[in-house]
Amino acid sequence: MIRLLTALLLACAGAFAQAGGLVHSETGGLPVILAAPHGGLQDVPGCEERIPAGNRFVNRPDVRTDRLARSIADELERLTGQAPYLVIANFHRNYIDANRRAEEAYGSPGCAAAYEAYHAAVRGHVDALRAKFPHAMLFDIHGQSAFPGAILRGTRHGGTVQALLARAGAPAVTGPDSVFGRFAAMGYTVMPPNDNAPTERVETKNYAGGHTVDLYGSHRAQGIDAMQLEFGSDLREGARLEQTAKDTAQAIAAFYRRFLR
C-alpha cells in the first residue's frame, strides 16, 4: 500500500512539473477543496489558443477568481486553524477550459499536459479526502457578470450534493447553517433563493454546475459532495474582493462545523 501511494504521489508530482507551474496545488487539513479553473492569465507554451465558435464556449477569464480562491483559503486557515485543499489553474482560458471535458477543453495536443495536471490535482485531493474523512466538500470557484451583485449556486439541481442531502437534508444546502444560508444572512443576493428545495430545477440556466462538480460530485461512486459558487463581478472588484473572501470563508467554516465534522 505504501509503495502504491508513493507511486501515485510521484506520478502526480511529475504531472505538475510537466505543466511547468501552470497548476498550483496545496494540501490541507480541512475536508474542503477549493478549485479555481478560470482565473489564470498565463500563456501555455506549445498550446494553440481556442477559436470561439458562436456560443459554444467562453474564452474570457473569470477575473480575479484565482485571487478570490487564495484569499478564501487563507481566511479559512485563520478561522479554523487548518487550511483547505486548493487547486488553481494559472493558465489562461484562451488556451484551456479546465471546467470542460478534455475533448471540449482545448484544441491542440500541446495543451493536454496542463489540463491533465489540473484534474490530477483535483482527483488526488478528492481521493485523499475520501480516505481521510467521513464527509468532504469541493467548492468550485467561478465568476459571472450577468448578476453582478449575486452569488449563484450550482449543484445540477441537487445531484452533485446527493450524499449531503441524503444524510443531512435540505438544510445542508439552503438552511441557516448552509453556505448559502450564511450568504443570505450576511445580506448577499443568492440565486436561487433559499426558499426553493435544493432538488427543484430552479438553479440558474448556464450556472447550474459544470464539468468539475459533475465529475467529482457525490453522485459519482468515487466522488464527494461538490458545489459551484458563481460570484458576481461587483463582488470581485478591488477591496470588495477581500470582504467577499472573508464572508465566504466564514460561511464555509460554519458549514464545516455543522455538516462535515
Protein backbone atom coordinates (compact mmCIF):
# COMPACT_ATOMS: atom_id res chain seq x y z
CA MET A 1 0.00 0.00 0.00
CA ILE A 2 2.80 2.43 0.91
CA ARG A 3 4.55 1.68 -2.38
CA LEU A 4 1.32 2.29 -4.29
CA LEU A 5 0.69 5.61 -2.56
CA THR A 6 4.29 6.65 -3.19
CA ALA A 7 3.95 5.79 -6.86
CA LEU A 8 0.75 7.79 -7.15
CA LEU A 9 2.29 10.79 -5.44
CA LEU A 10 5.32 10.66 -7.71
CA ALA A 11 3.07 10.42 -10.77
CA CYS A 12 1.11 13.45 -9.65
CA ALA A 13 4.32 15.36 -8.93
CA GLY A 14 5.52 14.54 -12.42
CA ALA A 15 2.29 15.82 -13.93
CA PHE A 16 2.60 19.10 -12.04
CA ALA A 17 6.24 19.51 -13.08
CA GLN A 18 5.33 18.78 -16.71
CA ALA A 19 2.71 21.51 -16.53
CA GLY A 20 5.53 23.97 -15.85
CA GLY A 21 3.90 25.84 -13.00
CA LEU A 22 0.59 26.22 -14.81
CA VAL A 23 -1.25 24.45 -11.97
CA HIS A 24 -0.99 25.43 -8.31
CA SER A 25 -1.96 22.75 -5.79
CA GLU A 26 -1.84 22.65 -1.98
CA THR A 27 -2.84 20.01 0.53
CA GLY A 28 -4.59 20.99 3.73
CA GLY A 29 -6.14 19.76 6.95
CA LEU A 30 -9.82 20.56 6.37
CA PRO A 31 -12.18 18.22 4.49
CA VAL A 32 -12.67 21.03 1.96
CA ILE A 33 -11.32 21.58 -1.55
CA LEU A 34 -11.33 24.98 -3.26
CA ALA A 35 -10.86 24.77 -7.03
CA ALA A 36 -10.48 27.76 -9.37
CA PRO A 37 -10.27 26.74 -13.04
CA HIS A 38 -10.83 30.07 -14.80
CA GLY A 39 -8.80 32.84 -13.14
CA GLY A 40 -5.38 32.23 -14.69
CA LEU A 41 -3.67 34.56 -17.15
CA GLN A 42 -0.55 32.63 -18.19
CA ASP A 43 0.23 31.54 -21.73
CA VAL A 44 0.67 27.81 -22.36
CA PRO A 45 3.79 27.06 -24.43
CA GLY A 46 3.06 24.72 -27.31
CA CYS A 47 -0.70 25.06 -26.87
CA GLU A 48 -2.76 26.80 -29.53
CA GLU A 49 -5.45 29.25 -28.48
CA ARG A 50 -9.00 28.02 -28.76
CA ILE A 51 -11.08 29.59 -31.51
CA PRO A 52 -14.59 30.59 -30.37
CA ALA A 53 -17.43 29.15 -32.43
CA GLY A 54 -20.63 31.07 -31.81
CA ASN A 55 -21.84 30.48 -28.26
CA ARG A 56 -20.15 27.11 -27.86
CA PHE A 57 -17.69 28.31 -25.25
CA VAL A 58 -16.27 31.29 -23.42
CA ASN A 59 -12.56 32.16 -23.52
CA ARG A 60 -12.57 35.12 -21.12
CA PRO A 61 -11.14 34.50 -17.65
CA ASP A 62 -13.31 34.70 -14.54
CA VAL A 63 -11.43 37.79 -13.42
CA ARG A 64 -9.69 37.56 -10.04
CA THR A 65 -11.25 34.22 -9.09
CA ASP A 66 -7.73 32.85 -8.61
CA ARG A 67 -7.07 35.58 -6.06
CA LEU A 68 -10.50 35.03 -4.53
CA ALA A 69 -9.83 31.31 -4.00
CA ARG A 70 -6.42 32.09 -2.48
CA SER A 71 -7.92 34.65 -0.09
CA ILE A 72 -10.75 32.31 0.95
CA ALA A 73 -8.17 29.60 1.69
CA ASP A 74 -6.05 31.96 3.80
CA GLU A 75 -9.05 33.20 5.76
CA LEU A 76 -10.33 29.66 6.35
CA GLU A 77 -6.97 28.74 7.84
CA ARG A 78 -7.12 31.80 10.10
CA LEU A 79 -10.66 30.94 11.25
CA THR A 80 -10.23 27.20 11.79
CA GLY A 81 -6.51 26.71 12.30
CA GLN A 82 -6.43 24.38 9.30
CA ALA A 83 -6.08 25.07 5.60
CA PRO A 84 -8.36 23.71 2.89
CA TYR A 85 -7.03 21.79 -0.08
CA LEU A 86 -6.54 24.14 -3.03
CA VAL A 87 -6.17 23.86 -6.81
CA ILE A 88 -5.76 26.92 -9.04
CA ALA A 89 -5.35 26.89 -12.81
CA ASN A 90 -2.77 29.53 -13.72
CA PHE A 91 -3.28 29.02 -17.46
CA HIS A 92 -5.49 31.38 -19.45
CA ARG A 93 -8.90 30.20 -20.54
CA ASN A 94 -7.95 31.24 -24.09
CA TYR A 95 -5.93 28.03 -24.18
CA ILE A 96 -7.67 25.60 -21.86
CA ASP A 97 -11.02 25.47 -20.10
CA ALA A 98 -10.48 23.08 -17.20
CA ASN A 99 -14.22 23.07 -16.47
CA ARG A 100 -14.95 21.10 -19.63
CA ARG A 101 -14.37 17.55 -20.77
CA ALA A 102 -11.00 17.06 -22.45
CA GLU A 103 -12.47 16.84 -25.95
CA GLU A 104 -14.04 20.30 -25.47
CA ALA A 105 -11.40 21.90 -23.25
CA TYR A 106 -8.60 22.61 -25.70
CA GLY A 107 -7.75 22.46 -29.38
CA SER A 108 -4.22 21.10 -29.74
CA PRO A 109 -2.12 18.28 -28.23
CA GLY A 110 0.28 20.72 -26.58
CA CYS A 111 -2.47 21.72 -24.16
CA ALA A 112 -3.06 18.26 -22.72
CA ALA A 113 -0.35 18.23 -20.03
CA ALA A 114 -1.67 21.32 -18.24
CA TYR A 115 -5.29 20.14 -18.43
CA GLU A 116 -4.37 16.70 -17.12
CA ALA A 117 -2.23 18.18 -14.34
CA TYR A 118 -5.16 20.28 -13.14
CA HIS A 119 -7.51 17.32 -12.97
CA ALA A 120 -4.82 15.06 -11.49
CA ALA A 121 -4.53 17.58 -8.66
CA VAL A 122 -8.28 17.72 -8.07
CA ARG A 123 -8.66 13.94 -8.30
CA GLY A 124 -5.73 13.44 -5.94
CA HIS A 125 -7.31 15.72 -3.36
CA VAL A 126 -10.73 14.08 -3.71
CA ASP A 127 -9.20 10.64 -3.22
CA ALA A 128 -7.20 11.85 -0.22
CA LEU A 129 -10.27 13.33 1.46
CA ARG A 130 -12.32 10.19 0.80
CA ALA A 131 -9.60 8.15 2.52
CA LYS A 132 -9.18 10.51 5.46
CA PHE A 133 -12.61 11.95 6.31
CA PRO A 134 -16.17 10.59 6.55
CA HIS A 135 -17.52 13.67 4.77
CA ALA A 136 -15.92 16.25 2.47
CA MET A 137 -16.89 19.10 0.16
CA LEU A 138 -15.49 20.60 -3.04
CA PHE A 139 -16.29 24.24 -3.81
CA ASP A 140 -15.69 25.19 -7.45
CA ILE A 141 -14.97 28.94 -7.57
CA HIS A 142 -16.23 30.90 -10.59
CA GLY A 143 -17.19 34.40 -11.62
CA GLN A 144 -20.08 35.79 -13.63
CA SER A 145 -21.23 39.23 -14.74
CA ALA A 146 -24.87 38.52 -15.62
CA PHE A 147 -25.87 39.15 -11.99
CA PRO A 148 -23.07 41.45 -10.73
CA GLY A 149 -24.10 41.57 -7.08
CA ALA A 150 -25.25 37.98 -6.65
CA ILE A 151 -23.78 34.59 -5.77
CA LEU A 152 -25.21 31.66 -7.72
CA ARG A 153 -25.39 28.07 -6.56
CA GLY A 154 -24.66 25.20 -8.93
CA THR A 155 -25.26 21.59 -7.90
CA ARG A 156 -27.02 20.29 -11.01
CA HIS A 157 -30.26 20.68 -9.10
CA GLY A 158 -29.03 18.78 -6.06
CA GLY A 159 -27.34 15.97 -7.97
CA THR A 160 -23.73 16.78 -7.07
CA VAL A 161 -24.57 17.04 -3.34
CA GLN A 162 -26.58 13.82 -3.33
CA ALA A 163 -24.77 12.33 -0.33
CA LEU A 164 -25.08 15.56 1.69
CA LEU A 165 -28.83 15.72 1.07
CA ALA A 166 -29.25 12.04 1.95
CA ARG A 167 -27.61 12.39 5.37
CA ALA A 168 -28.47 15.97 6.36
CA GLY A 169 -31.43 17.00 4.22
CA ALA A 170 -32.26 20.29 2.55
CA PRO A 171 -30.98 22.43 5.48
CA ALA A 172 -27.43 21.48 4.50
CA VAL A 173 -27.90 23.32 1.18
CA THR A 174 -30.46 26.03 1.93
CA GLY A 175 -30.77 26.20 5.74
CA PRO A 176 -29.29 28.82 8.09
CA ASP A 177 -26.00 26.91 8.59
CA SER A 178 -25.57 26.11 4.90
CA VAL A 179 -23.14 28.18 2.86
CA PHE A 180 -25.97 29.91 1.00
CA GLY A 181 -27.95 30.36 4.20
CA ARG A 182 -24.97 32.21 5.65
CA PHE A 183 -24.59 34.28 2.49
CA ALA A 184 -28.25 35.32 2.68
CA ALA A 185 -27.92 36.21 6.37
CA MET A 186 -24.96 38.44 5.50
CA GLY A 187 -27.11 40.33 3.02
CA TYR A 188 -25.94 38.80 -0.23
CA THR A 189 -28.35 38.16 -3.07
CA VAL A 190 -28.35 34.40 -3.60
CA MET A 191 -29.70 32.57 -6.62
CA PRO A 192 -31.81 30.55 -6.50
CA PRO A 193 -33.46 31.81 -3.30
CA ASN A 194 -33.13 29.55 -0.28
CA ASP A 195 -36.88 29.02 -0.04
CA ASN A 196 -36.65 26.65 -3.01
CA ALA A 197 -35.92 22.97 -2.38
CA PRO A 198 -32.35 22.01 -3.45
CA THR A 199 -33.69 19.40 -5.86
CA GLU A 200 -36.10 21.74 -7.65
CA ARG A 201 -34.90 22.61 -11.14
CA VAL A 202 -34.51 26.28 -10.28
CA GLU A 203 -30.75 26.76 -10.45
CA THR A 204 -29.95 29.46 -12.98
CA LYS A 205 -29.52 28.34 -16.57
CA ASN A 206 -25.84 28.14 -17.61
CA TYR A 207 -24.76 28.31 -13.95
CA ALA A 208 -26.25 25.11 -12.54
CA GLY A 209 -22.92 23.29 -12.34
CA GLY A 210 -20.26 22.45 -14.90
CA HIS A 211 -17.85 19.61 -15.63
CA THR A 212 -15.91 19.84 -12.37
CA VAL A 213 -18.82 19.33 -10.00
CA ASP A 214 -20.29 16.75 -12.36
CA LEU A 215 -17.03 14.79 -12.50
CA TYR A 216 -16.24 14.86 -8.77
CA GLY A 217 -19.70 15.18 -7.17
CA SER A 218 -21.19 12.64 -4.77
CA HIS A 219 -23.48 11.18 -7.42
CA ARG A 220 -20.29 9.52 -8.67
CA ALA A 221 -19.04 6.37 -6.94
CA GLN A 222 -15.60 7.91 -6.30
CA GLY A 223 -16.83 11.44 -5.66
CA ILE A 224 -17.53 13.80 -2.78
CA ASP A 225 -20.17 16.49 -2.41
CA ALA A 226 -19.46 19.34 -4.81
CA MET A 227 -20.94 22.80 -5.29
CA GLN A 228 -20.22 25.51 -7.86
CA LEU A 229 -20.09 29.08 -6.50
CA GLU A 230 -20.54 31.84 -9.09
CA PHE A 231 -19.52 35.24 -7.72
CA GLY A 232 -20.85 38.38 -9.39
CA SER A 233 -18.36 40.84 -10.87
CA ASP A 234 -19.14 43.53 -8.27
CA LEU A 235 -18.12 41.11 -5.52
CA ARG A 236 -14.67 40.65 -7.06
CA GLU A 237 -13.73 44.32 -7.50
CA GLY A 238 -10.85 45.88 -5.58
CA ALA A 239 -11.20 45.89 -1.81
CA ARG A 240 -14.63 44.28 -2.16
CA LEU A 241 -12.95 41.03 -3.16
CA GLU A 242 -11.25 40.68 0.23
CA GLN A 243 -14.55 41.20 2.04
CA THR A 244 -16.19 38.62 -0.21
CA ALA A 245 -13.38 36.20 0.61
CA LYS A 246 -13.76 36.76 4.35
CA ASP A 247 -17.52 36.30 4.21
CA THR A 248 -17.19 33.17 2.09
CA ALA A 249 -14.64 31.70 4.48
CA GLN A 250 -16.97 32.39 7.41
CA ALA A 251 -19.83 30.68 5.55
CA ILE A 252 -17.70 27.64 4.71
CA ALA A 253 -16.32 27.44 8.27
CA ALA A 254 -19.87 27.43 9.69
CA PHE A 255 -20.86 24.75 7.17
CA TYR A 256 -17.82 22.68 8.10
CA ARG A 257 -18.60 22.82 11.81
CA ARG A 258 -22.23 21.87 11.28
CA PHE A 259 -22.10 19.33 8.45
CA LEU A 260 -18.58 17.99 7.89
CA ARG A 261 -17.41 17.03 11.37
